[in-house]
Amino acid sequence: MTSTWFNPRIYPLRISLLLFVLLMGLSLRAVEPTPTKAIYNVFSDDEEMAMGRKAAEETDAKMPILDAPLLTAYVNNLGQKVAQASRRPQLAYSFKIVNTDVVNAFSLPGGFVYVNRGLLDFVENESELAGVLAHEVGHIVAYHSMNDVARRYWADRAAYEITKRGIITDQQMTDLLKQYGGYLLFVDRKFSRDEESEADMLGMYNAIRAGYDPQGLISALARLSKFTGNPSLVEALLMNHPLPGERVIALRAELAQNPAPKGLDQDSFAFKAAKLHLKALPPAPQPKKEQ
């Protein structure tokens, strides 16, 4: 008996219908990823912020935080603008500058974002900086680090304990963070290909909602791509797989299919003033050599 699906008289029609459905599926897909909290991530927003706060206290104590109130206020104000346009605006966000020439940025759970001085020197306009900050916020919005903590947490729990009971206290959160490696658990974490791509897309749409040209993130990544052979210049977070060149292609393809509104901000007087202020500061300290 001849299969209806493979009947030669209607096979071309089947193929046409299949292609139509596939094309319709592509055109109707969601333009922005919808981050989902892992089912095993039972930590509340308050507990995530507590974890991030403890990690931030360690970060501030162990890393050279730049003492430049006006410059920090500018970065924090820009970061807050981007954060409030994100999918998780309810978190208590904080943005600080690390006094190192390394081109990098990183985020901690609960809304704590750090931008290296080298990155501020690297970006060429405000939309680039906004895009990078939005990317870091994207990692937080998508629970990337906190999902990892949750996986570690449940791996340590007894098999019979299937739910987390009660709110973890500050001391318990401190002990938990210490158990998993302290603040370096987040600072040194290498995100996966899917996590970086998701943070890129979330960051791009985040920046658009905040009123910034999405080409900022794209141009920053495009220039970073030429530095990927120099690990001392670009740290793992911004050069991690997929490489910046691949991420640029993906973002451009997304914008080609879903163009951003016209007239979004690219630069500002405040950004130019911040760059001048940065150049007037004493040079960043050289990293200490390990004995």
Protein backbone atom coordinates (compact mmCIF):
# COMPACT_ATOMS: atom_id res chain seq x y z
CA MET A 1 0.00 0.00 0.00
CA THR A 2 1.32 3.44 -0.92
CA SER A 3 1.71 5.89 1.93
CA THR A 4 -0.46 9.01 1.61
CA TRP A 5 2.49 11.17 2.68
CA PHE A 6 4.72 9.84 -0.11
CA ASN A 7 2.04 9.79 -2.81
CA PRO A 8 3.93 11.36 -5.77
CA ARG A 9 0.86 13.35 -6.85
CA ILE A 10 0.62 15.32 -3.63
CA TYR A 11 4.26 15.19 -2.43
CA PRO A 12 5.18 18.65 -3.87
CA LEU A 13 2.15 20.12 -2.11
CA ARG A 14 3.29 18.57 1.18
CA ILE A 15 6.74 20.07 0.74
CA SER A 16 5.28 23.50 0.00
CA LEU A 17 3.06 23.36 3.07
CA LEU A 18 6.00 22.26 5.23
CA LEU A 19 8.17 25.12 4.02
CA PHE A 20 5.32 27.57 4.60
CA VAL A 21 4.87 26.35 8.19
CA LEU A 22 8.61 26.58 8.85
CA LEU A 23 8.82 30.12 7.48
CA MET A 24 5.77 31.17 9.46
CA GLY A 25 7.35 29.72 12.58
CA LEU A 26 10.49 31.77 12.02
CA SER A 27 8.59 34.98 11.45
CA LEU A 28 6.32 34.48 14.44
CA ARG A 29 9.03 33.61 16.98
CA ALA A 30 9.45 35.79 20.07
CA VAL A 31 11.87 38.62 19.36
CA GLU A 32 13.31 38.60 22.88
CA PRO A 33 14.25 35.51 24.89
CA THR A 34 12.00 34.76 27.84
CA PRO A 35 14.37 33.78 30.65
CA THR A 36 13.15 30.96 32.81
CA LYS A 37 14.18 30.27 36.37
CA ALA A 38 15.38 26.68 36.69
CA ILE A 39 12.85 24.47 38.44
CA TYR A 40 15.48 23.54 41.02
CA ASN A 41 16.28 27.20 41.73
CA VAL A 42 14.11 27.70 44.80
CA PHE A 43 15.89 30.84 46.01
CA SER A 44 13.73 33.93 46.31
CA ASP A 45 14.73 37.36 45.02
CA ASP A 46 15.57 38.38 48.60
CA GLU A 47 17.85 35.37 49.03
CA GLU A 48 19.50 36.00 45.68
CA MET A 49 20.16 39.61 46.65
CA ALA A 50 21.58 38.42 49.98
CA MET A 51 23.94 36.05 48.16
CA GLY A 52 24.99 38.85 45.81
CA ARG A 53 25.46 41.28 48.69
CA LYS A 54 27.81 38.86 50.48
CA ALA A 55 29.75 38.27 47.26
CA ALA A 56 29.90 42.04 46.66
CA GLU A 57 31.34 42.60 50.15
CA GLU A 58 34.14 40.15 49.33
CA THR A 59 34.65 41.69 45.90
CA ASP A 60 34.95 45.20 47.34
CA ALA A 61 37.48 43.95 49.90
CA LYS A 62 39.61 41.88 47.51
CA MET A 63 39.55 43.93 44.29
CA PRO A 64 40.77 47.52 43.72
CA ILE A 65 37.50 49.48 43.54
CA LEU A 66 38.02 52.86 41.88
CA ASP A 67 37.60 55.80 44.24
CA ALA A 68 36.11 58.31 41.82
CA PRO A 69 32.65 59.37 43.08
CA LEU A 70 31.60 61.38 40.01
CA LEU A 71 32.66 58.69 37.53
CA THR A 72 31.08 55.95 39.63
CA ALA A 73 27.86 57.97 39.90
CA TYR A 74 27.73 58.30 36.11
CA VAL A 75 28.20 54.55 35.56
CA ASN A 76 25.70 53.72 38.29
CA ASN A 77 23.09 56.13 36.90
CA LEU A 78 23.46 54.68 33.41
CA GLY A 79 23.33 51.16 34.81
CA GLN A 80 20.18 51.92 36.80
CA LYS A 81 18.52 53.24 33.67
CA VAL A 82 19.28 50.02 31.84
CA ALA A 83 18.34 47.83 34.83
CA GLN A 84 14.94 49.46 35.21
CA ALA A 85 14.22 48.62 31.58
CA SER A 86 15.07 44.95 32.17
CA ARG A 87 12.83 41.97 32.89
CA ARG A 88 13.81 42.08 36.58
CA PRO A 89 13.63 45.75 37.59
CA GLN A 90 12.67 44.87 41.17
CA LEU A 91 16.21 43.92 42.21
CA ALA A 92 18.44 46.38 44.09
CA TYR A 93 21.05 47.01 41.40
CA SER A 94 24.51 48.41 42.06
CA PHE A 95 27.21 49.37 39.55
CA LYS A 96 30.87 49.91 40.51
CA ILE A 97 34.20 50.35 38.74
CA VAL A 98 37.24 48.11 39.28
CA ASN A 99 40.51 50.03 38.99
CA THR A 100 42.28 47.83 36.46
CA ASP A 101 43.18 48.33 32.80
CA VAL A 102 41.88 44.87 31.86
CA VAL A 103 38.93 45.13 29.44
CA ASN A 104 36.20 43.27 31.28
CA ALA A 105 32.95 43.41 33.21
CA PHE A 106 31.17 40.89 35.42
CA SER A 107 27.99 40.49 37.40
CA LEU A 108 27.01 38.91 40.70
CA PRO A 109 23.57 37.53 41.55
CA GLY A 110 20.93 39.90 42.79
CA GLY A 111 21.93 42.96 40.75
CA PHE A 112 25.60 43.68 41.51
CA VAL A 113 27.56 44.68 38.39
CA TYR A 114 31.25 45.61 38.11
CA VAL A 115 32.88 47.36 35.14
CA ASN A 116 36.63 47.44 34.78
CA ARG A 117 38.30 50.77 34.14
CA GLY A 118 39.84 49.24 31.01
CA LEU A 119 36.38 48.70 29.57
CA LEU A 120 35.42 52.33 30.22
CA ASP A 121 38.53 53.35 28.32
CA PHE A 122 37.66 50.91 25.53
CA VAL A 123 34.07 51.97 24.78
CA GLU A 124 33.70 54.86 22.33
CA ASN A 125 30.19 56.15 23.03
CA GLU A 126 27.40 55.83 25.56
CA SER A 127 25.41 53.29 23.56
CA GLU A 128 28.41 50.91 23.68
CA LEU A 129 28.66 51.25 27.46
CA ALA A 130 24.89 50.90 27.85
CA GLY A 131 24.99 47.76 25.72
CA VAL A 132 27.72 46.17 27.84
CA LEU A 133 25.88 47.02 31.06
CA ALA A 134 22.66 45.65 29.57
CA HIS A 135 24.51 42.43 28.69
CA GLU A 136 25.63 42.04 32.31
CA VAL A 137 22.12 42.75 33.53
CA GLY A 138 20.97 40.07 31.06
CA HIS A 139 23.00 37.45 32.94
CA ILE A 140 21.23 38.47 36.15
CA VAL A 141 17.80 38.58 34.52
CA ALA A 142 18.31 35.03 33.21
CA TYR A 143 19.43 33.68 36.62
CA HIS A 144 22.64 32.34 35.06
CA SER A 145 24.80 32.50 38.19
CA MET A 146 22.03 31.76 40.67
CA ASN A 147 20.90 28.68 38.75
CA ASP A 148 24.48 27.45 39.11
CA VAL A 149 24.39 28.09 42.87
CA ALA A 150 21.08 26.22 43.08
CA ARG A 151 22.59 23.21 41.28
CA ARG A 152 25.46 23.14 43.78
CA TYR A 153 23.07 23.62 46.68
CA TRP A 154 20.85 20.67 45.77
CA ALA A 155 23.83 18.45 45.05
CA ASP A 156 24.78 18.92 48.70
CA ARG A 157 21.34 18.24 50.14
CA ALA A 158 20.22 14.88 51.47
CA ALA A 159 18.18 12.83 49.01
CA TYR A 160 15.05 13.02 51.14
CA GLU A 161 15.10 16.82 51.34
CA ILE A 162 13.12 17.86 48.28
CA THR A 163 12.23 21.40 49.31
CA LYS A 164 14.19 24.24 50.87
CA ARG A 165 12.70 25.10 54.22
CA GLY A 166 12.55 28.70 55.33
CA ILE A 167 14.62 31.74 54.47
CA ILE A 168 18.38 31.34 54.51
CA THR A 169 19.87 33.74 57.06
CA ASP A 170 22.76 36.10 56.30
CA GLN A 171 25.13 33.80 58.19
CA GLN A 172 23.89 30.76 56.29
CA MET A 173 24.30 32.69 53.04
CA THR A 174 27.86 33.63 54.04
CA ASP A 175 28.65 29.99 54.84
CA LEU A 176 27.08 28.85 51.57
CA LEU A 177 29.10 31.33 49.54
CA LYS A 178 32.31 30.33 51.33
CA GLN A 179 31.56 26.66 50.74
CA TYR A 180 31.28 27.22 46.99
CA GLY A 181 34.43 29.29 46.61
CA GLY A 182 33.54 32.81 47.73
CA TYR A 183 33.15 35.76 45.38
CA LEU A 184 35.43 34.10 42.80
CA LEU A 185 32.56 31.68 42.16
CA PHE A 186 31.01 34.52 40.14
CA VAL A 187 34.02 36.63 39.11
CA ASP A 188 35.84 33.71 37.49
CA ARG A 189 32.78 31.90 36.17
CA LYS A 190 32.82 31.16 32.44
CA PHE A 191 29.34 31.32 30.98
CA SER A 192 28.25 28.76 28.43
CA ARG A 193 27.65 29.48 24.76
CA ASP A 194 23.88 29.52 25.30
CA GLU A 195 24.16 31.78 28.36
CA GLU A 196 26.31 34.34 26.54
CA SER A 197 23.98 34.33 23.54
CA GLU A 198 20.94 34.75 25.78
CA ALA A 199 22.59 37.63 27.66
CA ASP A 200 23.43 39.28 24.31
CA MET A 201 19.82 39.15 23.13
CA LEU A 202 18.41 40.21 26.49
CA GLY A 203 20.98 43.00 26.63
CA MET A 204 20.19 44.26 23.15
CA TYR A 205 16.45 44.49 23.76
CA ASN A 206 17.12 45.85 27.22
CA ALA A 207 19.21 48.68 25.75
CA ILE A 208 16.51 49.43 23.19
CA ARG A 209 13.86 49.77 25.91
CA ALA A 210 16.23 52.06 27.82
CA GLY A 211 16.42 54.28 24.73
CA TYR A 212 19.85 53.28 23.39
CA ASP A 213 20.92 52.31 19.89
CA PRO A 214 21.52 48.52 19.88
CA GLN A 215 24.39 49.04 17.47
CA GLY A 216 26.36 50.07 20.57
CA LEU A 217 26.63 46.51 21.88
CA ILE A 218 27.32 45.25 18.37
CA SER A 219 30.13 47.73 17.70
CA ALA A 220 31.76 47.00 21.08
CA LEU A 221 31.71 43.26 20.40
CA ALA A 222 32.96 43.80 16.85
CA ARG A 223 36.04 45.67 18.12
CA LEU A 224 36.60 43.10 20.85
CA SER A 225 36.79 40.36 18.23
CA LYS A 226 40.23 41.54 17.11
CA PHE A 227 41.56 41.11 20.65
CA THR A 228 40.51 37.50 21.18
CA GLY A 229 44.07 36.26 20.73
CA ASN A 230 45.31 38.28 23.71
CA PRO A 231 43.91 36.81 26.96
CA SER A 232 45.68 39.46 29.06
CA LEU A 233 43.65 42.17 27.34
CA VAL A 234 40.19 40.64 27.25
CA GLU A 235 39.05 38.45 30.10
CA ALA A 236 36.91 35.35 29.75
CA LEU A 237 33.52 36.99 30.21
CA LEU A 238 33.72 39.09 27.06
CA MET A 239 35.77 36.65 24.96
CA ASN A 240 34.12 33.44 26.06
CA HIS A 241 32.54 31.15 23.48
CA PRO A 242 30.79 32.08 21.32
CA LEU A 243 33.52 34.49 20.25
CA PRO A 244 32.55 38.15 19.75
CA GLY A 245 32.56 37.81 15.96
CA GLU A 246 29.93 35.06 16.09
CA ARG A 247 27.85 37.06 18.54
CA VAL A 248 27.96 40.10 16.25
CA ILE A 249 26.58 38.01 13.39
CA ALA A 250 23.74 36.74 15.57
CA LEU A 251 22.80 40.22 16.83
CA ARG A 252 22.88 41.72 13.34
CA ALA A 253 20.66 38.92 12.05
CA GLU A 254 18.20 39.58 14.86
CA LEU A 255 18.06 43.30 14.08
CA ALA A 256 17.64 42.60 10.37
CA GLN A 257 14.51 40.60 11.18
CA ASN A 258 13.28 42.87 13.99
CA PRO A 259 14.58 46.41 13.36
CA ALA A 260 14.96 48.76 16.32
CA PRO A 261 13.06 52.06 16.44
CA LYS A 262 14.72 55.07 14.81
CA GLY A 263 16.36 57.89 16.72
CA LEU A 264 17.70 55.96 19.72
CA ASP A 265 20.53 57.55 21.72
CA GLN A 266 24.11 56.90 20.72
CA ASP A 267 26.09 59.33 22.81
CA SER A 268 25.81 62.08 25.41
CA PHE A 269 27.69 65.00 26.91
CA ALA A 270 27.81 63.09 30.21
CA PHE A 271 29.68 60.22 28.52
CA LYS A 272 32.23 62.58 26.99
CA ALA A 273 32.73 64.26 30.38
CA ALA A 274 33.18 60.85 32.01
CA LYS A 275 35.86 59.93 29.47
CA LEU A 276 37.74 63.17 30.16
CA HIS A 277 37.48 62.53 33.88
CA LEU A 278 38.82 59.01 33.38
CA LYS A 279 41.89 60.29 31.52
CA ALA A 280 42.62 62.79 34.30
CA LEU A 281 42.80 60.09 36.98
CA PRO A 282 46.10 58.56 38.12
CA PRO A 283 46.96 55.36 36.20
CA ALA A 284 45.49 52.09 37.39
CA PRO A 285 47.73 50.06 39.70
CA GLN A 286 49.61 47.20 38.14
CA PRO A 287 48.37 43.75 39.20
CA LYS A 288 50.44 42.15 41.94
CA LYS A 289 52.64 39.29 40.84
CA GLU A 290 52.04 36.03 42.64
CA GLN A 291 54.95 34.87 44.76
